[in-house]
Amino acid sequence: MSANLQSAGDAGAIRMPAEITFGSARAVLEQASAGLVSLPLVFDLSACVRFDSSLIAVLLELARRAAAARRPCAFVGAPDNLRKLSALYGVEDLLFGEHAGRASAADRPGP
């Protein structure tokens, strides 16, 4: 299955596909990771209507890779069911909260 990521208009966001499940997660992750070299690093989740917990894993890995590259990363347009699933797993604030997409203090080089 093709990931079919698209630019989401003028904002430069990367539109995630409508379906992200176990079978497509690896392809989506690899294609979305290519976005780590472009600005801005915003992933539009509004089209995601068929997904399982694999989408949570993809988003967490994208956030981890962005932090490792010292790049801010944001996930926008998350459907209510995705927010509920992320809350169930205890990662809603990490993905969509106030501090989402920022490298943690532990990730920053010290003096």
N, C-alpha and C. Protein backbone atom coordinates (compact mmCIF):
# COMPACT_ATOMS: atom_id res chain seq x y z
N MET A 1 0.83 -1.18 0.00
CA MET A 1 0.00 0.00 0.00
C MET A 1 0.87 1.24 0.00
N SER A 2 0.57 2.21 -0.83
CA SER A 2 1.33 3.44 -0.92
C SER A 2 0.91 4.39 0.18
N ALA A 3 1.87 5.15 0.70
CA ALA A 3 1.58 6.08 1.79
C ALA A 3 0.80 7.29 1.29
N ASN A 4 1.06 7.75 0.08
CA ASN A 4 0.33 8.85 -0.52
C ASN A 4 0.31 10.11 0.33
N LEU A 5 1.45 10.53 0.83
CA LEU A 5 1.53 11.78 1.57
C LEU A 5 1.47 12.92 0.57
N GLN A 6 0.82 14.01 0.96
CA GLN A 6 0.67 15.15 0.08
C GLN A 6 0.93 16.43 0.84
N SER A 7 1.30 17.47 0.11
CA SER A 7 1.40 18.79 0.70
C SER A 7 -0.02 19.26 0.99
N ALA A 8 -0.22 19.91 2.11
CA ALA A 8 -1.56 20.36 2.51
C ALA A 8 -1.74 21.84 2.27
N GLY A 9 -1.44 22.29 1.09
CA GLY A 9 -1.72 23.67 0.71
C GLY A 9 -0.65 24.65 1.11
N ASP A 10 -1.08 25.90 1.31
CA ASP A 10 -0.17 27.01 1.53
C ASP A 10 0.63 26.90 2.81
N ALA A 11 0.10 26.24 3.82
CA ALA A 11 0.79 26.15 5.10
C ALA A 11 2.05 25.30 5.02
N GLY A 12 2.21 24.52 3.95
CA GLY A 12 3.38 23.67 3.82
C GLY A 12 3.31 22.42 4.66
N ALA A 13 2.15 22.13 5.20
CA ALA A 13 2.00 20.93 6.02
C ALA A 13 1.99 19.69 5.13
N ILE A 14 2.44 18.60 5.69
CA ILE A 14 2.42 17.32 5.00
C ILE A 14 1.14 16.60 5.41
N ARG A 15 0.27 16.34 4.45
CA ARG A 15 -1.02 15.69 4.74
C ARG A 15 -0.81 14.19 4.81
N MET A 16 -1.16 13.63 5.96
CA MET A 16 -1.06 12.19 6.15
C MET A 16 -2.23 11.51 5.46
N PRO A 17 -2.06 10.25 5.03
CA PRO A 17 -3.13 9.55 4.29
C PRO A 17 -4.33 9.21 5.17
N ALA A 18 -5.43 8.88 4.52
CA ALA A 18 -6.68 8.56 5.21
C ALA A 18 -6.57 7.30 6.05
N GLU A 19 -5.77 6.33 5.60
CA GLU A 19 -5.65 5.07 6.32
C GLU A 19 -4.21 4.81 6.71
N ILE A 20 -4.02 4.60 8.01
CA ILE A 20 -2.70 4.22 8.53
C ILE A 20 -2.93 3.11 9.54
N THR A 21 -2.57 1.90 9.13
CA THR A 21 -2.71 0.73 9.98
C THR A 21 -1.39 -0.03 9.98
N PHE A 22 -1.36 -1.14 10.67
CA PHE A 22 -0.14 -1.93 10.78
C PHE A 22 0.49 -2.21 9.41
N GLY A 23 -0.33 -2.51 8.43
CA GLY A 23 0.17 -2.86 7.10
C GLY A 23 0.82 -1.72 6.35
N SER A 24 0.46 -0.49 6.66
CA SER A 24 1.00 0.66 5.93
C SER A 24 1.91 1.55 6.77
N ALA A 25 2.00 1.29 8.06
CA ALA A 25 2.72 2.18 8.97
C ALA A 25 4.17 2.40 8.58
N ARG A 26 4.89 1.35 8.22
CA ARG A 26 6.31 1.49 7.88
C ARG A 26 6.49 2.39 6.66
N ALA A 27 5.67 2.21 5.64
CA ALA A 27 5.77 3.04 4.43
C ALA A 27 5.44 4.49 4.74
N VAL A 28 4.42 4.72 5.55
CA VAL A 28 4.04 6.08 5.93
C VAL A 28 5.18 6.73 6.71
N LEU A 29 5.75 6.01 7.66
CA LEU A 29 6.85 6.54 8.46
C LEU A 29 8.03 6.93 7.58
N GLU A 30 8.42 6.06 6.69
CA GLU A 30 9.58 6.35 5.84
C GLU A 30 9.32 7.53 4.91
N GLN A 31 8.13 7.60 4.34
CA GLN A 31 7.81 8.70 3.46
C GLN A 31 7.71 10.01 4.25
N ALA A 32 7.09 9.97 5.42
CA ALA A 32 6.96 11.17 6.24
C ALA A 32 8.30 11.63 6.77
N SER A 33 9.20 10.69 7.03
CA SER A 33 10.53 11.04 7.54
C SER A 33 11.31 11.88 6.53
N ALA A 34 11.00 11.72 5.26
CA ALA A 34 11.64 12.55 4.25
C ALA A 34 11.32 14.02 4.48
N GLY A 35 10.20 14.30 5.13
CA GLY A 35 9.83 15.67 5.45
C GLY A 35 10.70 16.31 6.51
N LEU A 36 11.53 15.53 7.18
CA LEU A 36 12.39 16.08 8.23
C LEU A 36 13.42 17.07 7.70
N VAL A 37 13.62 17.10 6.39
CA VAL A 37 14.59 18.03 5.82
C VAL A 37 13.94 19.31 5.30
N SER A 38 12.62 19.40 5.35
CA SER A 38 11.93 20.57 4.82
C SER A 38 11.32 21.41 5.94
N LEU A 39 11.05 22.65 5.62
CA LEU A 39 10.40 23.54 6.57
C LEU A 39 9.03 23.91 6.04
N PRO A 40 8.05 24.15 6.85
CA PRO A 40 7.97 23.78 8.26
C PRO A 40 7.65 22.30 8.41
N LEU A 41 7.91 21.78 9.56
CA LEU A 41 7.67 20.36 9.82
C LEU A 41 6.34 20.22 10.55
N VAL A 42 5.27 20.24 9.75
CA VAL A 42 3.91 20.15 10.27
C VAL A 42 3.22 19.01 9.54
N PHE A 43 2.62 18.12 10.30
CA PHE A 43 1.90 16.99 9.73
C PHE A 43 0.41 17.18 9.96
N ASP A 44 -0.35 17.22 8.87
CA ASP A 44 -1.80 17.42 8.92
C ASP A 44 -2.47 16.05 9.02
N LEU A 45 -3.16 15.81 10.11
CA LEU A 45 -3.80 14.52 10.38
C LEU A 45 -5.30 14.53 10.07
N SER A 46 -5.80 15.61 9.52
CA SER A 46 -7.25 15.76 9.34
C SER A 46 -7.85 14.72 8.40
N ALA A 47 -7.08 14.16 7.49
CA ALA A 47 -7.61 13.16 6.57
C ALA A 47 -7.62 11.75 7.17
N CYS A 48 -6.96 11.55 8.30
CA CYS A 48 -6.86 10.22 8.91
C CYS A 48 -8.22 9.79 9.46
N VAL A 49 -8.82 8.83 8.79
CA VAL A 49 -10.14 8.34 9.23
C VAL A 49 -10.13 6.85 9.56
N ARG A 50 -9.17 6.10 9.03
CA ARG A 50 -9.05 4.68 9.32
C ARG A 50 -7.64 4.44 9.84
N PHE A 51 -7.54 4.14 11.13
CA PHE A 51 -6.22 3.95 11.73
C PHE A 51 -6.34 3.04 12.94
N ASP A 52 -5.20 2.54 13.35
CA ASP A 52 -5.12 1.77 14.58
C ASP A 52 -3.96 2.35 15.39
N SER A 53 -3.53 1.64 16.40
CA SER A 53 -2.47 2.15 17.26
C SER A 53 -1.14 2.32 16.52
N SER A 54 -1.04 1.76 15.33
CA SER A 54 0.17 1.96 14.53
C SER A 54 0.38 3.43 14.20
N LEU A 55 -0.70 4.18 14.04
CA LEU A 55 -0.57 5.61 13.77
C LEU A 55 0.09 6.32 14.95
N ILE A 56 -0.26 5.93 16.17
CA ILE A 56 0.37 6.52 17.35
C ILE A 56 1.88 6.24 17.31
N ALA A 57 2.25 5.02 16.97
CA ALA A 57 3.67 4.66 16.88
C ALA A 57 4.38 5.49 15.82
N VAL A 58 3.74 5.71 14.68
CA VAL A 58 4.32 6.52 13.61
C VAL A 58 4.54 7.95 14.10
N LEU A 59 3.55 8.53 14.75
CA LEU A 59 3.67 9.91 15.23
C LEU A 59 4.75 10.04 16.29
N LEU A 60 4.81 9.09 17.21
CA LEU A 60 5.86 9.13 18.23
C LEU A 60 7.25 9.02 17.60
N GLU A 61 7.39 8.16 16.60
CA GLU A 61 8.69 8.02 15.95
C GLU A 61 9.05 9.26 15.15
N LEU A 62 8.09 9.88 14.49
CA LEU A 62 8.36 11.14 13.78
C LEU A 62 8.81 12.22 14.76
N ALA A 63 8.13 12.30 15.90
CA ALA A 63 8.51 13.28 16.91
C ALA A 63 9.91 13.00 17.44
N ARG A 64 10.23 11.71 17.65
CA ARG A 64 11.57 11.34 18.13
C ARG A 64 12.64 11.70 17.13
N ARG A 65 12.39 11.38 15.85
CA ARG A 65 13.37 11.70 14.80
C ARG A 65 13.55 13.21 14.65
N ALA A 66 12.48 13.95 14.75
CA ALA A 66 12.57 15.41 14.66
C ALA A 66 13.39 15.96 15.83
N ALA A 67 13.14 15.47 17.04
CA ALA A 67 13.90 15.92 18.20
C ALA A 67 15.38 15.57 18.06
N ALA A 68 15.67 14.39 17.53
CA ALA A 68 17.06 13.99 17.33
C ALA A 68 17.76 14.89 16.32
N ALA A 69 16.98 15.41 15.37
CA ALA A 69 17.52 16.32 14.37
C ALA A 69 17.44 17.78 14.82
N ARG A 70 17.01 17.97 16.07
CA ARG A 70 16.84 19.31 16.65
C ARG A 70 15.86 20.16 15.83
N ARG A 71 14.78 19.52 15.39
CA ARG A 71 13.77 20.19 14.57
C ARG A 71 12.44 20.18 15.29
N PRO A 72 11.75 21.31 15.34
CA PRO A 72 10.40 21.28 15.90
C PRO A 72 9.47 20.51 14.97
N CYS A 73 8.47 19.90 15.53
CA CYS A 73 7.54 19.07 14.77
C CYS A 73 6.16 19.26 15.38
N ALA A 74 5.16 19.42 14.53
CA ALA A 74 3.80 19.60 15.04
C ALA A 74 2.84 18.70 14.28
N PHE A 75 1.83 18.23 14.99
CA PHE A 75 0.77 17.43 14.41
C PHE A 75 -0.52 18.22 14.57
N VAL A 76 -1.17 18.53 13.46
CA VAL A 76 -2.37 19.36 13.49
C VAL A 76 -3.55 18.60 12.87
N GLY A 77 -4.75 19.05 13.22
CA GLY A 77 -5.96 18.49 12.62
C GLY A 77 -6.30 17.09 13.07
N ALA A 78 -5.83 16.68 14.23
CA ALA A 78 -6.09 15.31 14.70
C ALA A 78 -7.58 15.11 14.94
N PRO A 79 -8.16 14.06 14.34
CA PRO A 79 -9.57 13.75 14.60
C PRO A 79 -9.78 13.37 16.07
N ASP A 80 -10.99 13.54 16.54
CA ASP A 80 -11.30 13.22 17.95
C ASP A 80 -10.92 11.80 18.33
N ASN A 81 -11.17 10.84 17.45
CA ASN A 81 -10.85 9.45 17.79
C ASN A 81 -9.35 9.23 17.94
N LEU A 82 -8.55 9.96 17.19
CA LEU A 82 -7.10 9.85 17.33
C LEU A 82 -6.65 10.47 18.65
N ARG A 83 -7.24 11.57 19.01
CA ARG A 83 -6.91 12.19 20.30
C ARG A 83 -7.31 11.28 21.46
N LYS A 84 -8.48 10.63 21.33
CA LYS A 84 -8.92 9.70 22.37
C LYS A 84 -7.98 8.50 22.48
N LEU A 85 -7.56 7.98 21.33
CA LEU A 85 -6.63 6.84 21.34
C LEU A 85 -5.29 7.24 21.94
N SER A 86 -4.80 8.42 21.60
CA SER A 86 -3.53 8.87 22.17
C SER A 86 -3.66 9.11 23.67
N ALA A 87 -4.83 9.56 24.13
CA ALA A 87 -5.06 9.73 25.57
C ALA A 87 -5.08 8.38 26.26
N LEU A 88 -5.69 7.39 25.62
CA LEU A 88 -5.73 6.04 26.17
C LEU A 88 -4.32 5.50 26.41
N TYR A 89 -3.41 5.80 25.48
CA TYR A 89 -2.02 5.36 25.61
C TYR A 89 -1.17 6.31 26.44
N GLY A 90 -1.76 7.42 26.89
CA GLY A 90 -1.03 8.36 27.74
C GLY A 90 -0.06 9.26 27.01
N VAL A 91 -0.27 9.48 25.71
CA VAL A 91 0.68 10.30 24.94
C VAL A 91 0.02 11.51 24.27
N GLU A 92 -1.22 11.82 24.63
CA GLU A 92 -1.92 12.94 23.99
C GLU A 92 -1.16 14.25 24.19
N ASP A 93 -0.74 14.54 25.41
CA ASP A 93 0.00 15.79 25.66
C ASP A 93 1.33 15.80 24.93
N LEU A 94 1.98 14.66 24.85
CA LEU A 94 3.25 14.57 24.14
C LEU A 94 3.09 14.89 22.66
N LEU A 95 2.03 14.40 22.06
CA LEU A 95 1.81 14.61 20.63
C LEU A 95 1.08 15.92 20.31
N PHE A 96 0.11 16.29 21.12
CA PHE A 96 -0.76 17.42 20.77
C PHE A 96 -0.80 18.52 21.81
N GLY A 97 -0.08 18.34 22.91
CA GLY A 97 -0.14 19.31 24.00
C GLY A 97 0.74 20.52 23.80
N GLU A 98 0.81 21.31 24.84
CA GLU A 98 1.53 22.58 24.84
C GLU A 98 3.00 22.40 24.47
N HIS A 99 3.61 21.34 24.89
CA HIS A 99 5.04 21.14 24.66
C HIS A 99 5.32 20.17 23.52
N ALA A 100 4.32 19.81 22.77
CA ALA A 100 4.49 18.86 21.67
C ALA A 100 5.43 19.42 20.63
N GLY A 101 6.32 18.58 20.14
CA GLY A 101 7.20 18.96 19.04
C GLY A 101 8.45 19.68 19.47
N ARG A 102 8.60 19.97 20.73
CA ARG A 102 9.81 20.65 21.19
C ARG A 102 10.78 19.62 21.73
N ALA A 103 12.05 19.83 21.46
CA ALA A 103 13.06 18.94 22.03
C ALA A 103 13.09 19.16 23.53
N SER A 104 13.16 18.07 24.28
CA SER A 104 13.20 18.21 25.74
C SER A 104 14.57 18.72 26.18
N ALA A 105 14.63 19.21 27.37
CA ALA A 105 15.89 19.72 27.92
C ALA A 105 16.95 18.63 27.90
N ALA A 106 16.55 17.38 28.11
CA ALA A 106 17.51 16.28 28.10
C ALA A 106 18.09 16.04 26.72
N ASP A 107 17.39 16.46 25.67
CA ASP A 107 17.87 16.27 24.30
C ASP A 107 18.83 17.37 23.86
N ARG A 108 18.87 18.47 24.60
CA ARG A 108 19.72 19.60 24.21
C ARG A 108 21.12 19.42 24.76
N PRO A 109 22.13 19.85 23.99
CA PRO A 109 23.49 19.72 24.50
C PRO A 109 23.71 20.63 25.70
N GLY A 110 24.42 20.14 26.67
CA GLY A 110 24.69 20.93 27.88
C GLY A 110 26.00 21.68 27.77
N PRO A 111 26.28 22.50 28.79
CA PRO A 111 27.54 23.27 28.78
C PRO A 111 28.74 22.39 28.97
